């Protein structure tokens, strides 16, 4: 299941082989302030794209809800059902209960913090799919999956409950993401989708006399990102049915690379292809190229303490530099025209195009022609130029150059 925060990311998820996507709209989701988010008017088109591509569409309504939110919550769920969205992902019992009342399928969010089989049995009255707490070990996950079968725990549809886990992406220092630090310090609630990410900052530690204490890492509350690509086969062996990737606020290139790597891993597992060191290294190299704070395997293997990032922001090996936008496309000759708004571009550079229609497209510049059709080795800011491109370019498409990140 791939995270989607924009039209470009939606297309990138489809490109990469996602079985399903999840996204938020406007308010009442845990990325309300950090991703673009869709609107209610977009739901019908999103559902249409997903049905055309044969993938599931799930909308997040996973924040704490107050009484003044209930009218909006009902309106969102009503509209989602009418638009053909497949299910909601919810934390608050008000959303879970209302969705059940109108016959809208529900997935239980990780914020509910399901950690045992009795909780699974309770929520099975309401839900088809449950995201387990991120703090569980693989052994605990396997036990829950086995007990679902053994006890024949069925969802409202009559099918066995499906167990879902996060396998990749950002982690929160708080249990299942329920953190109050942002609300306490900045009156901006993480549980309402408005986290200020206090944990991602560097801190100095002082004793009661004001003496600064020496610590190995200033980022003492910023977890590294979860990455399970080297043992995701074991997670599937345990009985997990849905693998979830975090990252609704990330760019389409992140969505593509993470989704496609785990798509390949799932397909390898299904076809009994061994996870060789070479195969895993290739996946890890691709995952390291897009946004990440460093990787660790989470709590699956029994770790009691998290691993902490030692730098601010991403340590991806690559980054994209904005260059400009598309202008038009010449179908007969397969050439796109662009205007360079920033920097410079030369033959041989690796580029990335993000598109609402195509998701992402990566290639190397093979030829550049200026507006007067003169061949050029380099184009500079303000110039209009054209180059051979295999996808149809539109004025809304963004052009980036891929460069090595300075560590």
Protein backbone atom coordinates (compact mmCIF):
# COMPACT_ATOMS: atom_id res chain seq x y z
CA UNK A 1 0.00 0.00 0.00
CA UNK A 2 1.58 3.22 -1.22
CA UNK A 3 1.31 6.73 0.28
CA UNK A 4 -0.12 9.44 -1.96
CA UNK A 5 -0.08 13.19 -1.31
CA UNK A 6 -0.42 14.56 -4.85
CA UNK A 7 -1.61 13.65 -8.33
CA UNK A 8 1.99 13.04 -9.36
CA UNK A 9 2.46 10.64 -6.44
CA UNK A 10 -0.75 8.83 -7.32
CA UNK A 11 0.50 8.19 -10.85
CA UNK A 12 3.95 7.23 -9.50
CA UNK A 13 2.36 4.65 -7.18
CA UNK A 14 0.46 3.15 -10.13
CA UNK A 15 3.67 3.12 -12.21
CA UNK A 16 5.57 1.38 -9.44
CA UNK A 17 3.08 -1.47 -9.05
CA UNK A 18 1.10 -0.56 -5.93
CA UNK A 19 -1.84 -2.79 -5.03
CA UNK A 20 -3.50 0.10 -3.19
CA UNK A 21 -2.98 3.74 -2.25
CA UNK A 22 -3.95 5.75 0.82
CA UNK A 23 -4.32 9.51 1.09
CA UNK A 24 -5.86 12.32 3.12
CA UNK A 25 -8.18 15.13 2.16
CA UNK A 26 -8.24 18.63 3.63
CA UNK A 27 -8.60 18.12 7.40
CA UNK A 28 -9.00 15.21 9.83
CA UNK A 29 -5.91 13.28 8.73
CA UNK A 30 -2.49 12.90 10.31
CA UNK A 31 -0.73 14.73 7.45
CA UNK A 32 -3.18 17.64 7.32
CA UNK A 33 -0.40 20.24 7.56
CA UNK A 34 2.56 18.43 5.99
CA UNK A 35 1.24 17.23 2.64
CA UNK A 36 -0.74 18.88 -0.15
CA UNK A 37 -3.83 16.70 0.42
CA UNK A 38 -6.73 16.28 -1.96
CA UNK A 39 -10.20 17.82 -1.74
CA UNK A 40 -13.63 16.26 -1.58
CA UNK A 41 -14.12 17.22 -5.22
CA UNK A 42 -11.11 15.05 -6.15
CA UNK A 43 -12.49 11.82 -4.69
CA UNK A 44 -14.49 10.68 -7.68
CA UNK A 45 -11.53 11.13 -10.03
CA UNK A 46 -9.16 9.36 -7.62
CA UNK A 47 -11.57 6.44 -7.27
CA UNK A 48 -11.95 6.31 -11.05
CA UNK A 49 -8.19 6.19 -11.65
CA UNK A 50 -7.75 3.47 -9.03
CA UNK A 51 -10.58 1.34 -10.42
CA UNK A 52 -9.24 1.75 -13.95
CA UNK A 53 -5.82 0.59 -12.74
CA UNK A 54 -7.25 -2.21 -10.59
CA UNK A 55 -5.93 -0.95 -7.25
CA UNK A 56 -7.56 -0.12 -3.92
CA UNK A 57 -8.24 3.44 -2.73
CA UNK A 58 -8.29 4.26 0.99
CA UNK A 59 -8.86 7.61 2.65
CA UNK A 60 -7.39 8.47 6.05
CA UNK A 61 -9.62 9.94 8.76
CA UNK A 62 -7.18 9.08 11.50
CA UNK A 63 -7.03 12.06 13.85
CA UNK A 64 -8.64 12.63 17.22
CA UNK A 65 -12.16 13.95 16.63
CA UNK A 66 -13.99 16.53 18.74
CA UNK A 67 -17.72 17.17 18.69
CA UNK A 68 -17.34 20.07 16.29
CA UNK A 69 -15.59 17.70 13.83
CA UNK A 70 -18.40 15.17 13.61
CA UNK A 71 -20.41 16.91 10.91
CA UNK A 72 -17.35 17.20 8.68
CA UNK A 73 -16.34 13.61 9.44
CA UNK A 74 -19.76 12.33 8.34
CA UNK A 75 -19.65 14.48 5.22
CA UNK A 76 -16.20 13.12 4.25
CA UNK A 77 -17.25 9.50 4.76
CA UNK A 78 -20.55 10.02 2.91
CA UNK A 79 -18.72 11.60 -0.02
CA UNK A 80 -16.03 8.90 -0.03
CA UNK A 81 -18.67 6.17 -0.21
CA UNK A 82 -20.65 7.95 -2.93
CA UNK A 83 -17.44 8.53 -4.93
CA UNK A 84 -16.43 4.86 -4.91
CA UNK A 85 -13.51 5.01 -2.45
CA UNK A 86 -12.94 1.48 -1.14
CA UNK A 87 -12.52 2.11 2.61
CA UNK A 88 -11.58 4.61 5.30
CA UNK A 89 -8.60 4.29 7.64
CA UNK A 90 -9.77 5.48 11.06
CA UNK A 91 -8.64 5.86 14.66
CA UNK A 92 -11.52 7.58 16.45
CA UNK A 93 -14.47 5.38 17.40
CA UNK A 94 -16.87 8.02 16.12
CA UNK A 95 -15.55 7.59 12.56
CA UNK A 96 -15.41 3.80 12.90
CA UNK A 97 -18.99 3.64 14.19
CA UNK A 98 -20.42 6.01 11.58
CA UNK A 99 -18.73 4.18 8.70
CA UNK A 100 -20.23 0.93 9.96
CA UNK A 101 -23.68 2.50 10.19
CA UNK A 102 -23.65 3.47 6.50
CA UNK A 103 -21.85 0.36 5.24
CA UNK A 104 -18.47 1.91 4.46
CA UNK A 105 -15.58 -0.55 5.01
CA UNK A 106 -13.11 0.43 7.73
CA UNK A 107 -9.41 -0.20 8.25
CA UNK A 108 -8.13 0.31 11.80
CA UNK A 109 -5.28 2.82 11.94
CA UNK A 110 -1.97 2.18 13.68
CA UNK A 111 -2.89 5.05 16.03
CA UNK A 112 -5.39 2.68 17.70
CA UNK A 113 -2.31 0.78 18.95
CA UNK A 114 -3.43 -2.85 18.48
CA UNK A 115 -0.93 -5.06 20.28
CA UNK A 116 -2.80 -8.29 21.10
CA UNK A 117 -5.29 -10.80 19.74
CA UNK A 118 -8.14 -9.74 22.05
CA UNK A 119 -8.00 -6.24 20.57
CA UNK A 120 -8.12 -7.77 17.11
CA UNK A 121 -11.23 -9.72 18.13
CA UNK A 122 -12.87 -6.54 19.43
CA UNK A 123 -12.20 -4.46 16.30
CA UNK A 124 -13.19 -7.36 14.03
CA UNK A 125 -16.79 -6.32 14.73
CA UNK A 126 -16.08 -3.17 12.74
CA UNK A 127 -13.09 -3.69 10.44
CA UNK A 128 -11.75 -5.74 7.55
CA UNK A 129 -8.07 -4.75 7.97
CA UNK A 130 -6.06 -3.74 11.04
CA UNK A 131 -2.70 -1.99 11.15
CA UNK A 132 -0.76 -3.34 14.11
CA UNK A 133 1.25 -1.19 16.50
CA UNK A 134 4.73 -0.39 15.16
CA UNK A 135 6.30 -1.43 18.47
CA UNK A 136 5.58 -5.16 18.08
CA UNK A 137 8.25 -7.77 17.43
CA UNK A 138 8.01 -10.12 14.46
CA UNK A 139 7.27 -12.97 16.88
CA UNK A 140 4.31 -11.05 18.32
CA UNK A 141 3.05 -10.22 14.83
CA UNK A 142 3.32 -13.87 13.79
CA UNK A 143 1.37 -14.99 16.87
CA UNK A 144 -1.46 -12.55 16.15
CA UNK A 145 -1.65 -13.66 12.49
CA UNK A 146 -1.71 -17.32 13.52
CA UNK A 147 -4.45 -16.72 16.09
CA UNK A 148 -6.64 -14.94 13.54
CA UNK A 149 -6.65 -18.19 11.57
CA UNK A 150 -6.85 -20.52 14.56
CA UNK A 151 -9.75 -18.65 16.17
CA UNK A 152 -11.38 -17.91 12.80
CA UNK A 153 -11.65 -14.19 13.55
CA UNK A 154 -13.77 -12.76 10.77
CA UNK A 155 -14.54 -9.21 9.65
CA UNK A 156 -18.02 -7.82 8.86
CA UNK A 157 -17.67 -9.23 5.32
CA UNK A 158 -17.34 -12.75 6.71
CA UNK A 159 -13.71 -13.03 5.56
CA UNK A 160 -10.80 -13.47 7.93
CA UNK A 161 -9.43 -10.20 9.32
CA UNK A 162 -6.35 -9.08 7.41
CA UNK A 163 -3.29 -7.92 9.34
CA UNK A 164 -1.30 -4.95 8.05
CA UNK A 165 2.04 -3.54 9.20
CA UNK A 166 4.24 -0.61 8.29
CA UNK A 167 7.38 -1.79 6.52
CA UNK A 168 9.07 1.45 5.48
CA UNK A 169 9.26 5.16 6.27
CA UNK A 170 9.41 7.66 9.08
CA UNK A 171 8.89 6.60 12.69
CA UNK A 172 7.67 8.65 15.63
CA UNK A 173 9.37 8.64 19.02
CA UNK A 174 5.93 8.20 20.64
CA UNK A 175 4.05 4.90 20.87
CA UNK A 176 2.08 4.42 17.63
CA UNK A 177 2.52 8.08 16.80
CA UNK A 178 0.49 9.43 19.73
CA UNK A 179 2.70 12.33 20.71
CA UNK A 180 1.77 15.41 22.74
CA UNK A 181 5.10 17.25 22.57
CA UNK A 182 4.08 19.52 19.68
CA UNK A 183 0.79 20.42 21.41
CA UNK A 184 2.53 21.05 24.73
CA UNK A 185 5.28 23.29 23.33
CA UNK A 186 3.63 24.99 20.34
CA UNK A 187 -0.11 24.46 20.77
CA UNK A 188 -0.10 22.50 17.51
CA UNK A 189 -1.41 18.96 17.95
CA UNK A 190 0.29 16.02 16.23
CA UNK A 191 -2.89 14.04 16.87
CA UNK A 192 -4.78 16.57 14.75
CA UNK A 193 -2.36 16.37 11.83
CA UNK A 194 -0.36 19.47 12.78
CA UNK A 195 2.88 18.09 14.24
CA UNK A 196 5.74 20.62 14.44
CA UNK A 197 8.26 17.76 14.71
CA UNK A 198 10.03 18.86 17.87
CA UNK A 199 11.68 15.44 17.94
CA UNK A 200 13.58 16.16 14.72
CA UNK A 201 15.52 19.04 16.28
CA UNK A 202 18.92 18.98 17.92
CA UNK A 203 19.06 19.43 21.69
CA UNK A 204 21.62 20.22 24.35
CA UNK A 205 21.30 18.42 27.68
CA UNK A 206 22.04 20.29 30.92
CA UNK A 207 22.02 19.25 34.55
CA UNK A 208 20.16 21.15 37.28
CA UNK A 209 23.13 23.49 37.76
CA UNK A 210 23.13 24.46 34.10
CA UNK A 211 26.18 22.42 33.16
CA UNK A 212 25.97 21.09 29.62
CA UNK A 213 26.34 17.33 29.43
CA UNK A 214 28.31 15.71 26.64
CA UNK A 215 26.18 13.36 24.55
CA UNK A 216 27.03 11.32 21.47
CA UNK A 217 24.11 12.58 19.39
CA UNK A 218 22.29 15.91 19.55
CA UNK A 219 19.24 14.42 17.78
CA UNK A 220 18.24 12.43 20.83
CA UNK A 221 14.55 12.04 19.91
CA UNK A 222 14.68 11.67 16.11
CA UNK A 223 14.35 8.01 15.06
CA UNK A 224 15.92 6.72 11.91
CA UNK A 225 13.47 5.59 9.25
CA UNK A 226 12.07 2.10 9.19
CA UNK A 227 13.41 -0.15 6.42
CA UNK A 228 12.54 -3.85 6.29
CA UNK A 229 13.54 -4.64 2.71
CA UNK A 230 16.21 -7.10 3.89
CA UNK A 231 13.71 -9.17 5.90
CA UNK A 232 10.31 -8.30 4.46
CA UNK A 233 10.04 -11.93 3.33
CA UNK A 234 9.98 -12.91 7.02
CA UNK A 235 7.14 -10.43 7.62
CA UNK A 236 5.12 -12.06 4.85
CA UNK A 237 6.02 -15.52 6.16
CA UNK A 238 4.54 -14.39 9.49
CA UNK A 239 1.13 -14.00 7.84
CA UNK A 240 0.95 -10.23 7.26
CA UNK A 241 -1.33 -9.52 4.30
CA UNK A 242 -0.77 -5.80 3.72
CA UNK A 243 2.60 -4.01 3.65
CA UNK A 244 2.27 -0.29 4.26
CA UNK A 245 4.75 2.42 3.26
CA UNK A 246 4.82 5.74 5.10
CA UNK A 247 5.32 8.98 3.18
CA UNK A 248 2.26 10.98 2.15
CA UNK A 249 4.27 14.18 2.49
CA UNK A 250 7.13 12.89 0.31
CA UNK A 251 7.66 13.53 -3.40
CA UNK A 252 6.61 11.25 -6.28
CA UNK A 253 10.16 9.96 -6.75
CA UNK A 254 10.10 8.66 -3.16
CA UNK A 255 6.71 7.04 -3.75
CA UNK A 256 7.94 5.38 -6.93
CA UNK A 257 11.22 4.02 -5.59
CA UNK A 258 9.89 2.72 -2.27
CA UNK A 259 6.78 1.19 -3.81
CA UNK A 260 8.67 -0.42 -6.67
CA UNK A 261 11.36 -1.90 -4.41
CA UNK A 262 8.79 -3.50 -2.12
CA UNK A 263 6.74 -4.56 -5.18
CA UNK A 264 9.78 -6.42 -6.46
CA UNK A 265 10.38 -7.92 -3.01
CA UNK A 266 6.78 -9.16 -2.76
CA UNK A 267 6.95 -10.65 -6.25
CA UNK A 268 10.26 -12.35 -5.42
CA UNK A 269 8.71 -13.86 -2.28
CA UNK A 270 5.64 -15.06 -4.18
CA UNK A 271 7.83 -16.74 -6.80
CA UNK A 272 10.24 -18.30 -4.27
CA UNK A 273 13.12 -16.14 -5.50
CA UNK A 274 15.75 -16.03 -2.74
CA UNK A 275 16.61 -12.68 -1.16
CA UNK A 276 20.27 -12.80 -2.14
CA UNK A 277 22.71 -10.22 -0.73
CA UNK A 278 23.09 -8.75 -4.24
CA UNK A 279 19.34 -8.33 -4.67
CA UNK A 280 18.89 -6.74 -1.24
CA UNK A 281 21.87 -4.42 -1.81
CA UNK A 282 20.32 -3.16 -5.05
CA UNK A 283 17.02 -2.42 -3.28
CA UNK A 284 18.83 -0.70 -0.40
CA UNK A 285 20.82 1.42 -2.86
CA UNK A 286 17.60 2.63 -4.53
CA UNK A 287 15.91 3.31 -1.20
CA UNK A 288 18.94 5.26 0.03
CA UNK A 289 18.75 7.56 -3.00
CA UNK A 290 15.40 9.07 -1.95
CA UNK A 291 14.39 10.89 1.23
CA UNK A 292 15.50 9.09 4.39
CA UNK A 293 16.99 9.83 7.81
CA UNK A 294 19.07 6.68 7.82
CA UNK A 295 17.60 3.21 8.21
CA UNK A 296 17.01 0.62 10.90
CA UNK A 297 14.75 -2.42 11.13
CA UNK A 298 12.39 -1.11 13.78
CA UNK A 299 11.29 -3.31 16.66
CA UNK A 300 10.56 -6.40 14.56
CA UNK A 301 13.74 -8.19 15.59
CA UNK A 302 13.27 -7.55 19.31
CA UNK A 303 15.13 -4.27 19.85
CA UNK A 304 14.03 -2.46 23.00
CA UNK A 305 15.36 0.97 22.04
CA UNK A 306 15.20 2.89 18.79
CA UNK A 307 18.11 3.96 16.63
CA UNK A 308 18.44 7.71 16.31
CA UNK A 309 19.27 9.92 13.36
CA UNK A 310 22.49 11.94 13.76
CA UNK A 311 21.72 14.68 11.24
CA UNK A 312 18.86 17.03 10.47
CA UNK A 313 16.65 16.10 7.54
CA UNK A 314 17.36 13.64 4.78
CA UNK A 315 20.61 11.80 4.15
CA UNK A 316 19.50 10.55 0.73
CA UNK A 317 22.41 9.93 -1.64
CA UNK A 318 20.65 11.91 -4.36
CA UNK A 319 18.57 15.06 -4.52
CA UNK A 320 16.50 16.79 -7.16
CA UNK A 321 17.18 20.38 -8.19
CA UNK A 322 14.28 22.28 -9.77
CA UNK A 323 15.06 23.51 -13.27
CA UNK A 324 11.81 24.59 -14.89
CA UNK A 325 8.50 23.56 -16.46
CA UNK A 326 7.30 21.96 -19.66
CA UNK A 327 5.84 24.17 -22.40
CA UNK A 328 4.62 21.87 -25.15
CA UNK A 329 5.21 18.54 -26.84
CA UNK A 330 5.78 17.67 -30.49
CA UNK A 331 4.17 14.26 -30.91
CA UNK A 332 5.44 13.43 -34.39
CA UNK A 333 9.11 13.78 -33.47
CA UNK A 334 8.92 12.91 -29.74
CA UNK A 335 10.40 16.18 -28.52
CA UNK A 336 9.46 18.23 -25.46
CA UNK A 337 9.93 21.98 -25.08
CA UNK A 338 10.86 23.49 -21.72
CA UNK A 339 11.80 26.82 -20.18
CA UNK A 340 14.72 26.78 -17.75
CA UNK A 341 13.80 28.85 -14.68
CA UNK A 342 16.80 27.89 -12.55
CA UNK A 343 20.37 26.67 -12.86
CA UNK A 344 21.74 25.08 -15.99
CA UNK A 345 21.34 21.82 -17.88
CA UNK A 346 23.80 20.06 -20.14
CA UNK A 347 23.95 16.96 -22.31
CA UNK A 348 24.56 13.89 -20.14
CA UNK A 349 22.77 15.22 -17.05
CA UNK A 350 20.27 12.90 -15.36
CA UNK A 351 16.80 14.46 -15.20
CA UNK A 352 13.51 13.75 -13.49
CA UNK A 353 10.13 14.89 -14.80
CA UNK A 354 7.12 14.80 -12.48
CA UNK A 355 3.75 14.72 -14.14
CA UNK A 356 0.12 14.56 -13.10
CA UNK A 357 -0.52 12.25 -16.05
CA UNK A 358 2.60 10.05 -15.94
CA UNK A 359 3.91 10.14 -12.37
CA UNK A 360 7.68 10.29 -12.75
CA UNK A 361 10.03 9.85 -15.69
CA UNK A 362 13.83 9.56 -15.39
CA UNK A 363 16.31 9.77 -18.25
CA UNK A 364 19.61 11.29 -19.34
CA UNK A 365 19.76 14.30 -21.62
CA UNK A 366 20.90 13.06 -25.04
CA UNK A 367 20.53 16.26 -27.03
CA UNK A 368 19.61 19.92 -26.45
CA UNK A 369 18.34 22.38 -29.02
CA UNK A 370 17.75 26.05 -28.30
CA UNK A 371 14.64 27.96 -29.32
CA UNK A 372 16.21 28.77 -32.69
CA UNK A 373 16.83 25.03 -33.30
CA UNK A 374 20.57 25.47 -32.80
CA UNK A 375 22.18 22.46 -31.15
CA UNK A 376 23.72 23.23 -27.78
CA UNK A 377 25.72 21.37 -25.17
CA UNK A 378 24.34 23.44 -22.31
CA UNK A 379 21.28 25.60 -21.61
CA UNK A 380 21.15 28.35 -19.01
CA UNK A 381 18.51 30.08 -16.91
CA UNK A 382 15.83 31.92 -18.88
CA UNK A 383 16.37 30.01 -22.13
CA UNK A 384 13.72 28.00 -23.94
CA UNK A 385 14.99 24.67 -25.26
CA UNK A 386 13.84 21.30 -26.52
CA UNK A 387 15.08 17.74 -26.11
CA UNK A 388 13.93 14.22 -27.05
CA UNK A 389 11.51 12.85 -24.42
CA UNK A 390 9.54 9.59 -24.51
CA UNK A 391 6.50 10.92 -22.63
CA UNK A 392 4.08 13.64 -23.63
CA UNK A 393 4.98 16.89 -21.88
CA UNK A 394 2.36 19.27 -20.47
CA UNK A 395 2.74 22.83 -19.13
CA UNK A 396 2.13 21.61 -15.56
CA UNK A 397 5.06 19.14 -15.68
CA UNK A 398 8.10 19.98 -13.55
CA UNK A 399 11.68 19.37 -14.68
CA UNK A 400 14.45 18.52 -12.18
CA UNK A 401 18.11 17.59 -12.37
CA UNK A 402 19.25 14.63 -10.25
CA UNK A 403 22.55 15.33 -8.49
CA UNK A 404 24.61 13.64 -5.81
CA UNK A 405 23.78 15.02 -2.37
CA UNK A 406 26.59 16.75 -0.52
CA UNK A 407 26.91 14.89 2.79
